[in-house]
Amino acid sequence: MIPAGLIISAPASGTGKTTLMLGLLGAFRAQGLAVQPFKSGPDYIDPAFHRAASGRPSVNLDSWAMGADRLAGLIGAAEGADLVLAEGSMGLFDGVARIGETGTGASADLSALTGWPVVLVLDVSGQAQSAAAVARGFATLRPDVRIAGVVLNRVASPRHEALVRAGMEAAGIRVFGALPRRATIEMPERHLGLVQAEETPELDRIVADAAVFVAEHLDLDALRLAAGATRIDSGTRLRVTPPGQRIALARDAAFSFVYPHLLDGWRAAGAEIQPFSPLDDEAPDEDADCCWLPGGYPELHGGRLASAGRFRQGLRLFSQTRPVHGECGGYMAMGAGIVDKEGAWHEMAGILGLVTSFEKRKMHLGYRLAELHAPVPGHATGARLRGHEFHYSTILDQPDLALARVVDANGDAVAETGSRRGLATGTFFHLIAEAT
């Protein structure tokens, strides 16, 4: 049975959703509750933080990229838990213009599909009673999305809190608690968002402090009672075709961005995942059927990767007889070279001709729908793949054949088509699911 749930969302990014989410996971866990975390949208960093705080694997749920059956199957991860908490992305109603598999990717879609009410995190710094107008607008915009109440964040003083609460009471908005500003539990950030969980040495301390902080200032019992019954029945997880029986998976600080539901799907299909570390100059195992290079931050480790001769030579030899696929950072590492932000050149594996530069940053962000011109591990020619792209690199050279026809969520063509050369393939987008 799937327990009742809540969605932690906000009017915009940067309001404190992740800090509140981690604090709630830690606080409820301290009470002895099993809380299943989820993440709305295409975020591969937050789930690792969720897992650290809850002790349970967090799962991405994406209404643009995933059909109802797939969502139902993934929600099955909550079987046996006492409560579901799902963290939203961006603002509650922020998504794309065109509906994908089940929605626009907005966190509000997930609330409407599942029946989980929303706890709205409001950054009330710089305002008082006016915050109630924001909350009231969110509560009335979509009839199929219920706002359970709000958490006031970055409250300046008891007087400030009293004024904001007065406005909420007049607007008929429930307040679950108020959090004063506390820098010691704010999460470190990088240009792609949060620093990865494994790169945060104070993570255990941050989670523990956040749990105590949240328990002191929020009504946890009221929050739990506000959770809504899950409307989607737990479904059978859709079978995912793994890229091979034995998958050599690059896994270290430079290559870690892969969606947990894909790894779980590969394992559920009977595949064996063989991690290796390019940063430690390890090559893919000779026994593997294919090699998968996830995204990450190769540009921050250009010197180490350029000097990792065993890794680069091993990958070249591997690609002569077996498929190698890279996503974003992994794709860049398969190319001829990377120019870092200081303008220094770093030689990469060279199994593709791609050359990328971070010297002049340009953001590439958004959902992608790709129709394959050639197979990639686990997907045949002609397959339609849904994914998401987010990076700041610029293409200096892309001489190989295009891998796919790629469009954005509006159906407009995207120049980053991916590349193919022999058995080597790569894309700038991270695969989420095959389109139905």
Protein backbone atom coordinates (compact mmCIF):
# COMPACT_ATOMS: atom_id res chain seq x y z
CA MET A 1 0.00 0.00 0.00
CA ILE A 2 1.24 3.48 -0.88
CA PRO A 3 1.08 5.90 2.07
CA ALA A 4 -0.26 9.45 1.99
CA GLY A 5 2.03 12.14 0.69
CA LEU A 6 2.95 15.81 0.47
CA ILE A 7 4.79 17.85 -2.15
CA ILE A 8 7.29 20.43 -0.93
CA SER A 9 7.18 23.25 -3.45
CA ALA A 10 7.58 27.02 -3.72
CA PRO A 11 6.83 30.01 -5.95
CA ALA A 12 10.39 29.96 -7.34
CA SER A 13 13.82 28.40 -7.10
CA GLY A 14 16.10 29.48 -4.27
CA THR A 15 13.43 29.71 -1.59
CA GLY A 16 14.75 26.89 0.61
CA LYS A 17 12.87 23.82 -0.68
CA THR A 18 15.83 21.47 -0.46
CA THR A 19 16.85 22.57 3.04
CA LEU A 20 13.25 22.10 4.26
CA MET A 21 12.99 18.75 2.48
CA LEU A 22 16.16 17.44 4.10
CA GLY A 23 15.08 18.76 7.49
CA LEU A 24 11.68 17.08 7.25
CA LEU A 25 13.18 13.79 6.10
CA GLY A 26 15.63 13.87 8.99
CA ALA A 27 13.05 14.97 11.56
CA PHE A 28 10.49 12.33 10.62
CA ARG A 29 13.21 9.69 10.47
CA ALA A 30 14.24 10.67 14.00
CA GLN A 31 10.65 9.97 15.05
CA GLY A 32 11.01 6.43 13.72
CA LEU A 33 9.00 6.98 10.53
CA ALA A 34 9.95 5.48 7.18
CA VAL A 35 9.62 8.35 4.70
CA GLN A 36 9.86 7.71 0.97
CA PRO A 37 11.40 10.68 -0.91
CA PHE A 38 10.69 11.57 -4.51
CA LYS A 39 11.94 14.36 -6.75
CA SER A 40 9.69 16.05 -9.28
CA GLY A 41 11.40 16.76 -12.56
CA PRO A 42 14.80 16.13 -14.16
CA ASP A 43 17.15 16.57 -11.23
CA TYR A 44 19.91 14.02 -10.63
CA ILE A 45 21.58 15.78 -7.67
CA ASP A 46 18.81 16.20 -5.09
CA PRO A 47 17.96 12.46 -4.89
CA ALA A 48 21.38 11.68 -3.42
CA PHE A 49 20.77 14.23 -0.66
CA HIS A 50 17.32 12.76 -0.06
CA ARG A 51 18.80 9.32 0.34
CA ALA A 52 21.35 10.56 2.87
CA ALA A 53 18.59 12.20 4.94
CA SER A 54 15.94 9.46 4.70
CA GLY A 55 17.94 6.25 4.38
CA ARG A 56 15.79 5.31 1.37
CA PRO A 57 16.56 5.69 -2.36
CA SER A 58 14.87 8.74 -3.86
CA VAL A 59 13.17 8.45 -7.25
CA ASN A 60 12.57 11.02 -10.01
CA LEU A 61 8.97 11.51 -11.18
CA ASP A 62 8.64 13.54 -14.37
CA SER A 63 5.27 14.29 -15.96
CA TRP A 64 6.76 15.48 -19.27
CA ALA A 65 9.02 12.47 -19.81
CA MET A 66 7.08 9.67 -18.11
CA GLY A 67 3.75 8.05 -18.90
CA ALA A 68 1.18 7.24 -16.22
CA ASP A 69 2.18 3.56 -16.11
CA ARG A 70 5.82 4.41 -15.56
CA LEU A 71 4.96 6.94 -12.86
CA ALA A 72 2.76 4.39 -11.12
CA GLY A 73 5.53 1.82 -11.21
CA LEU A 74 8.08 4.22 -9.77
CA ILE A 75 5.71 5.37 -7.04
CA GLY A 76 5.69 1.72 -5.99
CA ALA A 77 9.02 2.48 -4.28
CA ALA A 78 6.90 3.88 -1.43
CA GLU A 79 5.38 0.48 -0.61
CA GLY A 80 5.78 -0.13 3.11
CA ALA A 81 6.71 3.46 3.99
CA ASP A 82 4.79 5.58 6.49
CA LEU A 83 4.79 8.81 4.51
CA VAL A 84 5.73 10.20 1.09
CA LEU A 85 7.55 13.51 0.67
CA ALA A 86 8.19 14.75 -2.87
CA GLU A 87 10.38 17.77 -3.54
CA GLY A 88 9.29 19.99 -6.38
CA SER A 89 11.48 21.75 -8.92
CA MET A 90 11.54 25.48 -9.73
CA GLY A 91 8.18 27.11 -9.00
CA LEU A 92 5.08 25.00 -8.40
CA PHE A 93 3.45 25.72 -11.77
CA ASP A 94 6.65 26.08 -13.81
CA GLY A 95 6.85 23.69 -16.75
CA VAL A 96 7.04 23.77 -20.52
CA ALA A 97 4.38 25.07 -22.89
CA ARG A 98 3.45 21.74 -24.48
CA ILE A 99 2.22 18.69 -22.64
CA GLY A 100 4.48 15.65 -22.85
CA GLU A 101 3.61 12.15 -21.63
CA THR A 102 1.34 13.20 -18.74
CA GLY A 103 1.98 16.91 -18.24
CA THR A 104 4.32 19.84 -18.69
CA GLY A 105 6.88 18.74 -16.10
CA ALA A 106 5.50 21.12 -13.48
CA SER A 107 5.35 19.98 -9.85
CA ALA A 108 1.67 20.94 -9.93
CA ASP A 109 1.10 18.14 -12.45
CA LEU A 110 2.47 15.62 -9.98
CA SER A 111 0.14 16.94 -7.28
CA ALA A 112 -2.86 16.65 -9.60
CA LEU A 113 -1.90 13.13 -10.72
CA THR A 114 -1.16 11.73 -7.27
CA GLY A 115 -3.48 13.68 -5.01
CA TRP A 116 -0.57 14.81 -2.81
CA PRO A 117 -1.28 18.29 -1.40
CA VAL A 118 1.37 21.00 -1.61
CA VAL A 119 3.28 22.59 1.25
CA LEU A 120 4.39 25.93 -0.14
CA VAL A 121 7.74 27.28 1.08
CA LEU A 122 7.65 31.08 1.07
CA ASP A 123 10.72 33.26 1.32
CA VAL A 124 9.16 36.15 3.24
CA SER A 125 12.28 38.28 3.52
CA GLY A 126 11.40 41.78 2.40
CA GLN A 127 7.63 41.44 2.85
CA ALA A 128 5.02 40.86 5.53
CA GLN A 129 1.23 40.67 4.97
CA SER A 130 1.84 40.81 1.21
CA ALA A 131 3.13 37.22 1.36
CA ALA A 132 -0.48 36.13 1.91
CA ALA A 133 -1.44 37.46 -1.51
CA VAL A 134 1.21 35.20 -3.07
CA ALA A 135 -0.04 32.20 -1.12
CA ARG A 136 -3.67 32.96 -1.95
CA GLY A 137 -2.89 33.20 -5.64
CA PHE A 138 -1.14 29.84 -5.60
CA ALA A 139 -4.05 28.29 -3.69
CA THR A 140 -6.61 29.34 -6.30
CA LEU A 141 -4.79 29.02 -9.64
CA ARG A 142 -5.54 25.34 -10.32
CA PRO A 143 -8.61 23.65 -8.82
CA ASP A 144 -6.96 20.22 -9.17
CA VAL A 145 -4.00 21.25 -6.99
CA ARG A 146 -4.57 21.66 -3.25
CA ILE A 147 -2.34 23.85 -1.12
CA ALA A 148 -2.24 22.30 2.36
CA GLY A 149 -0.52 25.33 3.83
CA VAL A 150 2.73 27.24 3.94
CA VAL A 151 6.08 27.25 5.69
CA LEU A 152 7.49 30.73 6.21
CA ASN A 153 11.22 30.87 5.51
CA ARG A 154 13.89 33.47 6.27
CA VAL A 155 11.81 35.21 8.90
CA ALA A 156 13.62 38.23 10.34
CA SER A 157 12.11 38.53 13.83
CA PRO A 158 9.11 37.56 16.00
CA ARG A 159 7.41 40.82 14.97
CA HIS A 160 7.99 39.98 11.31
CA GLU A 161 6.54 36.50 11.84
CA ALA A 162 3.46 37.92 13.58
CA LEU A 163 2.75 40.25 10.68
CA VAL A 164 3.10 37.51 8.08
CA ARG A 165 0.91 35.16 10.12
CA ALA A 166 -1.76 37.85 10.40
CA GLY A 167 -1.87 38.16 6.63
CA MET A 168 -2.12 34.38 6.21
CA GLU A 169 -4.94 34.14 8.73
CA ALA A 170 -6.89 36.83 6.91
CA ALA A 171 -6.38 34.97 3.63
CA GLY A 172 -7.41 31.61 5.10
CA ILE A 173 -3.97 30.06 4.59
CA ARG A 174 -2.63 27.60 7.15
CA VAL A 175 0.89 28.17 8.50
CA PHE A 176 2.81 25.04 9.52
CA GLY A 177 5.70 26.99 10.99
CA ALA A 178 8.25 29.74 10.49
CA LEU A 179 11.99 29.33 9.92
CA PRO A 180 14.46 32.09 10.76
CA ARG A 181 17.43 32.51 8.46
CA ARG A 182 20.29 30.17 9.36
CA ALA A 183 23.31 30.05 7.05
CA THR A 184 24.85 26.98 8.69
CA ILE A 185 22.28 24.65 7.10
CA GLU A 186 22.11 26.20 3.64
CA MET A 187 23.38 23.91 0.91
CA PRO A 188 26.53 24.79 -1.07
CA GLU A 189 25.95 25.61 -4.74
CA ARG A 190 27.78 25.36 -8.06
CA HIS A 191 26.93 26.55 -11.55
CA LEU A 192 24.73 23.50 -12.22
CA GLY A 193 22.96 23.81 -8.88
CA LEU A 194 23.80 22.01 -5.68
CA VAL A 195 27.19 20.44 -5.16
CA GLN A 196 26.87 16.65 -5.25
CA ALA A 197 26.16 14.78 -2.02
CA GLU A 198 29.47 12.91 -2.13
CA GLU A 199 31.31 16.26 -2.46
CA THR A 200 29.72 17.68 0.70
CA PRO A 201 31.92 16.65 3.64
CA GLU A 202 29.56 18.28 6.15
CA LEU A 203 26.47 16.56 4.76
CA ASP A 204 25.73 14.48 7.87
CA ARG A 205 26.08 17.57 10.06
CA ILE A 206 23.91 19.66 7.72
CA VAL A 207 21.16 17.02 7.68
CA ALA A 208 21.26 16.58 11.44
CA ASP A 209 21.15 20.34 12.05
CA ALA A 210 18.34 20.77 9.53
CA ALA A 211 16.30 18.03 11.21
CA VAL A 212 16.62 19.65 14.63
CA PHE A 213 15.96 23.11 13.18
CA VAL A 214 12.80 21.98 11.39
CA ALA A 215 11.51 20.01 14.40
CA GLU A 216 11.93 23.10 16.60
CA HIS A 217 10.02 25.46 14.32
CA LEU A 218 7.41 23.37 12.46
CA ASP A 219 4.34 21.43 13.55
CA LEU A 220 5.35 17.96 12.35
CA ASP A 221 2.15 16.32 13.54
CA ALA A 222 0.04 18.80 11.59
CA LEU A 223 2.14 18.27 8.50
CA ARG A 224 1.74 14.51 8.67
CA LEU A 225 -2.03 14.83 9.13
CA ALA A 226 -2.19 17.15 6.11
CA ALA A 227 -0.78 14.49 3.78
CA GLY A 228 -3.19 13.36 1.09
CA ALA A 229 -4.08 9.82 0.07
CA THR A 230 -2.24 8.64 -3.04
CA ARG A 231 -4.61 8.41 -6.02
CA ILE A 232 -2.27 6.45 -8.28
CA ASP A 233 -2.24 2.74 -7.53
CA SER A 234 1.17 1.14 -7.26
CA GLY A 235 1.88 -0.31 -10.68
CA THR A 236 4.28 -2.89 -12.00
CA ARG A 237 7.55 -1.28 -12.93
CA LEU A 238 7.88 -1.06 -16.69
CA ARG A 239 10.71 -3.17 -17.99
CA VAL A 240 13.75 -1.16 -19.00
CA THR A 241 15.99 -2.63 -21.67
CA PRO A 242 19.52 -2.35 -20.25
CA PRO A 243 22.34 -1.29 -22.55
CA GLY A 244 24.02 -4.65 -21.98
CA GLN A 245 24.16 -7.66 -19.69
CA ARG A 246 27.40 -6.41 -18.12
CA ILE A 247 27.63 -2.62 -18.09
CA ALA A 248 30.91 -0.84 -17.40
CA LEU A 249 29.70 2.36 -15.71
CA ALA A 250 32.05 5.31 -15.12
CA ARG A 251 31.44 6.39 -11.55
CA ASP A 252 33.43 9.00 -9.64
CA ALA A 253 33.44 12.74 -8.90
CA ALA A 254 33.71 13.54 -12.63
CA PHE A 255 30.97 11.12 -13.79
CA SER A 256 27.97 10.73 -11.51
CA PHE A 257 24.91 12.23 -13.19
CA VAL A 258 22.63 9.33 -14.06
CA TYR A 259 19.02 8.93 -13.02
CA PRO A 260 18.58 6.36 -10.21
CA HIS A 261 15.48 4.88 -11.84
CA LEU A 262 17.55 3.89 -14.89
CA LEU A 263 20.15 2.06 -12.79
CA ASP A 264 17.37 0.34 -10.83
CA GLY A 265 15.66 -0.62 -14.10
CA TRP A 266 18.87 -2.10 -15.51
CA ARG A 267 19.41 -4.15 -12.37
CA ALA A 268 15.76 -5.27 -12.29
CA ALA A 269 16.20 -6.53 -15.87
CA GLY A 270 19.10 -8.69 -14.72
CA ALA A 271 22.01 -6.52 -15.84
CA GLU A 272 25.25 -6.36 -13.87
CA ILE A 273 26.72 -2.90 -13.34
CA GLN A 274 30.53 -2.76 -13.13
CA PRO A 275 31.66 0.65 -11.82
CA PHE A 276 35.08 2.02 -12.71
CA SER A 277 36.81 5.34 -12.07
CA PRO A 278 38.38 7.30 -14.94
CA LEU A 279 39.84 9.72 -12.38
CA ASP A 280 41.73 6.79 -10.84
CA ASP A 281 42.93 5.88 -14.35
CA GLU A 282 40.77 2.74 -14.53
CA ALA A 283 39.61 1.34 -17.87
CA PRO A 284 36.27 -0.39 -18.49
CA ASP A 285 36.34 -4.08 -17.59
CA GLU A 286 37.21 -6.35 -20.50
CA ASP A 287 34.30 -8.62 -19.54
CA ALA A 288 31.72 -5.85 -20.05
CA ASP A 289 29.33 -5.84 -23.01
CA CYS A 290 29.11 -2.05 -23.20
CA CYS A 291 30.41 1.08 -21.52
CA TRP A 292 28.28 3.98 -20.24
CA LEU A 293 29.82 7.34 -19.34
CA PRO A 294 27.35 9.48 -17.35
CA GLY A 295 27.38 13.24 -17.10
CA GLY A 296 29.20 15.16 -14.44
CA TYR A 297 32.03 17.67 -14.21
CA PRO A 298 34.89 16.50 -16.48
CA GLU A 299 35.83 20.14 -17.05
CA LEU A 300 36.78 20.42 -13.37
CA HIS A 301 39.09 17.41 -13.68
CA GLY A 302 40.54 18.02 -17.14
CA GLY A 303 44.15 17.63 -16.07
CA ARG A 304 43.60 14.31 -14.31
CA LEU A 305 41.56 12.91 -17.20
CA ALA A 306 44.16 14.05 -19.74
CA SER A 307 46.87 12.25 -17.77
CA ALA A 308 44.78 9.10 -17.27
CA GLY A 309 46.46 7.21 -20.10
CA ARG A 310 45.23 3.78 -19.07
CA PHE A 311 41.62 5.00 -19.04
CA ARG A 312 41.84 6.74 -22.41
CA GLN A 313 43.66 3.90 -24.15
CA GLY A 314 41.39 1.31 -22.57
CA LEU A 315 38.30 3.17 -23.73
CA ARG A 316 39.67 3.40 -27.28
CA LEU A 317 40.34 -0.34 -27.41
CA PHE A 318 36.95 -1.12 -25.87
CA SER A 319 35.09 1.01 -28.44
CA GLN A 320 36.60 -0.95 -31.33
CA THR A 321 34.54 -4.04 -30.48
CA ARG A 322 31.75 -2.94 -28.12
CA PRO A 323 29.43 0.05 -27.83
CA VAL A 324 30.33 3.06 -25.72
CA HIS A 325 27.75 5.75 -24.94
CA GLY A 326 28.24 9.04 -23.14
CA GLU A 327 25.83 11.64 -21.79
CA CYS A 328 26.80 15.32 -21.50
CA GLY A 329 30.05 15.23 -19.47
CA GLY A 330 30.62 11.64 -20.52
CA TYR A 331 30.06 12.63 -24.14
CA MET A 332 32.62 15.43 -23.78
CA ALA A 333 35.16 12.99 -22.30
CA MET A 334 34.71 10.74 -25.34
CA GLY A 335 35.64 13.65 -27.61
CA ALA A 336 38.98 14.98 -28.80
CA GLY A 337 39.39 17.55 -26.05
CA ILE A 338 37.95 20.00 -23.53
CA VAL A 339 38.94 23.64 -23.11
CA ASP A 340 38.45 24.62 -19.48
CA LYS A 341 37.30 28.00 -18.18
CA GLU A 342 40.90 29.27 -18.04
CA GLY A 343 41.38 28.41 -21.72
CA ALA A 344 43.62 25.39 -21.12
CA TRP A 345 43.32 22.42 -23.52
CA HIS A 346 42.88 18.93 -22.08
CA GLU A 347 43.11 15.88 -24.33
CA MET A 348 40.23 13.44 -23.96
CA ALA A 349 39.70 9.87 -25.24
CA GLY A 350 39.27 10.81 -28.91
CA ILE A 351 36.79 8.10 -29.85
CA LEU A 352 34.58 10.95 -31.08
CA GLY A 353 35.73 14.22 -32.64
CA LEU A 354 33.78 16.52 -30.31
CA VAL A 355 35.65 19.52 -28.93
CA THR A 356 33.96 21.57 -26.21
CA SER A 357 34.92 24.75 -24.38
CA PHE A 358 33.99 26.30 -21.04
CA GLU A 359 36.06 29.43 -21.67
CA LYS A 360 32.95 31.30 -22.79
CA ARG A 361 30.02 29.92 -20.86
CA LYS A 362 26.66 29.50 -22.57
CA MET A 363 23.77 27.82 -20.83
CA HIS A 364 21.92 25.00 -22.61
CA LEU A 365 18.82 23.99 -20.68
CA GLY A 366 15.60 22.14 -21.37
CA TYR A 367 13.76 18.96 -22.20
CA ARG A 368 14.76 17.07 -25.33
CA LEU A 369 12.94 14.61 -27.58
CA ALA A 370 15.30 12.68 -29.84
CA GLU A 371 14.59 10.30 -32.73
CA LEU A 372 17.62 8.08 -33.23
CA HIS A 373 19.34 7.83 -36.62
CA ALA A 374 21.40 4.93 -35.29
CA PRO A 375 21.16 2.63 -32.28
CA VAL A 376 22.53 3.46 -28.85
CA PRO A 377 22.97 0.77 -26.18
CA GLY A 378 19.49 -0.36 -25.15
CA HIS A 379 17.60 1.56 -27.87
CA ALA A 380 17.15 0.78 -31.58
CA THR A 381 17.33 3.02 -34.62
CA GLY A 382 14.14 5.06 -34.80
CA ALA A 383 13.50 4.98 -31.05
CA ARG A 384 12.17 8.21 -29.55
CA LEU A 385 13.93 9.17 -26.34
CA ARG A 386 12.91 11.80 -23.81
CA GLY A 387 15.64 13.49 -21.82
CA HIS A 388 16.92 16.74 -20.38
CA GLU A 389 19.93 18.90 -21.20
CA PHE A 390 21.73 21.24 -18.78
CA HIS A 391 25.30 22.41 -19.31
CA TYR A 392 27.41 25.48 -19.98
CA SER A 393 29.79 24.19 -22.64
CA THR A 394 30.19 25.50 -26.18
CA ILE A 395 30.82 23.21 -29.15
CA LEU A 396 33.99 24.14 -31.02
CA ASP A 397 33.97 21.12 -33.34
CA GLN A 398 31.50 18.28 -33.92
CA PRO A 399 32.74 16.47 -37.06
CA ASP A 400 31.03 13.09 -36.64
CA LEU A 401 27.68 11.92 -37.97
CA ALA A 402 24.58 13.20 -36.19
CA LEU A 403 23.14 10.63 -33.82
CA ALA A 404 19.55 11.85 -33.75
CA ARG A 405 17.05 14.44 -34.75
CA VAL A 406 16.60 16.42 -31.55
CA VAL A 407 13.87 18.92 -30.70
CA ASP A 408 13.01 20.81 -27.54
CA ALA A 409 9.72 20.68 -25.65
CA ASN A 410 8.16 23.12 -28.13
CA GLY A 411 9.12 20.96 -31.10
CA ASP A 412 11.86 23.34 -32.28
CA ALA A 413 15.05 21.78 -33.66
CA VAL A 414 18.07 21.69 -31.37
CA ALA A 415 21.59 21.96 -32.79
CA GLU A 416 23.06 19.52 -30.26
CA THR A 417 22.15 16.36 -32.20
CA GLY A 418 24.66 14.06 -30.54
CA SER A 419 27.37 12.20 -32.44
CA ARG A 420 28.20 8.72 -33.66
CA ARG A 421 31.36 7.14 -34.96
CA GLY A 422 31.59 3.37 -35.26
CA LEU A 423 30.33 1.90 -31.98
CA ALA A 424 30.73 5.19 -30.09
CA THR A 425 27.68 7.40 -29.48
CA GLY A 426 27.03 10.43 -27.32
CA THR A 427 24.39 13.02 -26.48
CA PHE A 428 24.25 16.25 -24.53
CA PHE A 429 20.91 15.26 -23.02
CA HIS A 430 20.50 12.83 -20.15
CA LEU A 431 18.09 10.01 -20.96
CA ILE A 432 14.98 9.83 -18.76
CA ALA A 433 12.72 7.39 -20.62
CA GLU A 434 11.82 6.12 -24.05
CA ALA A 435 8.76 7.95 -25.39
CA THR A 436 5.50 6.04 -25.62
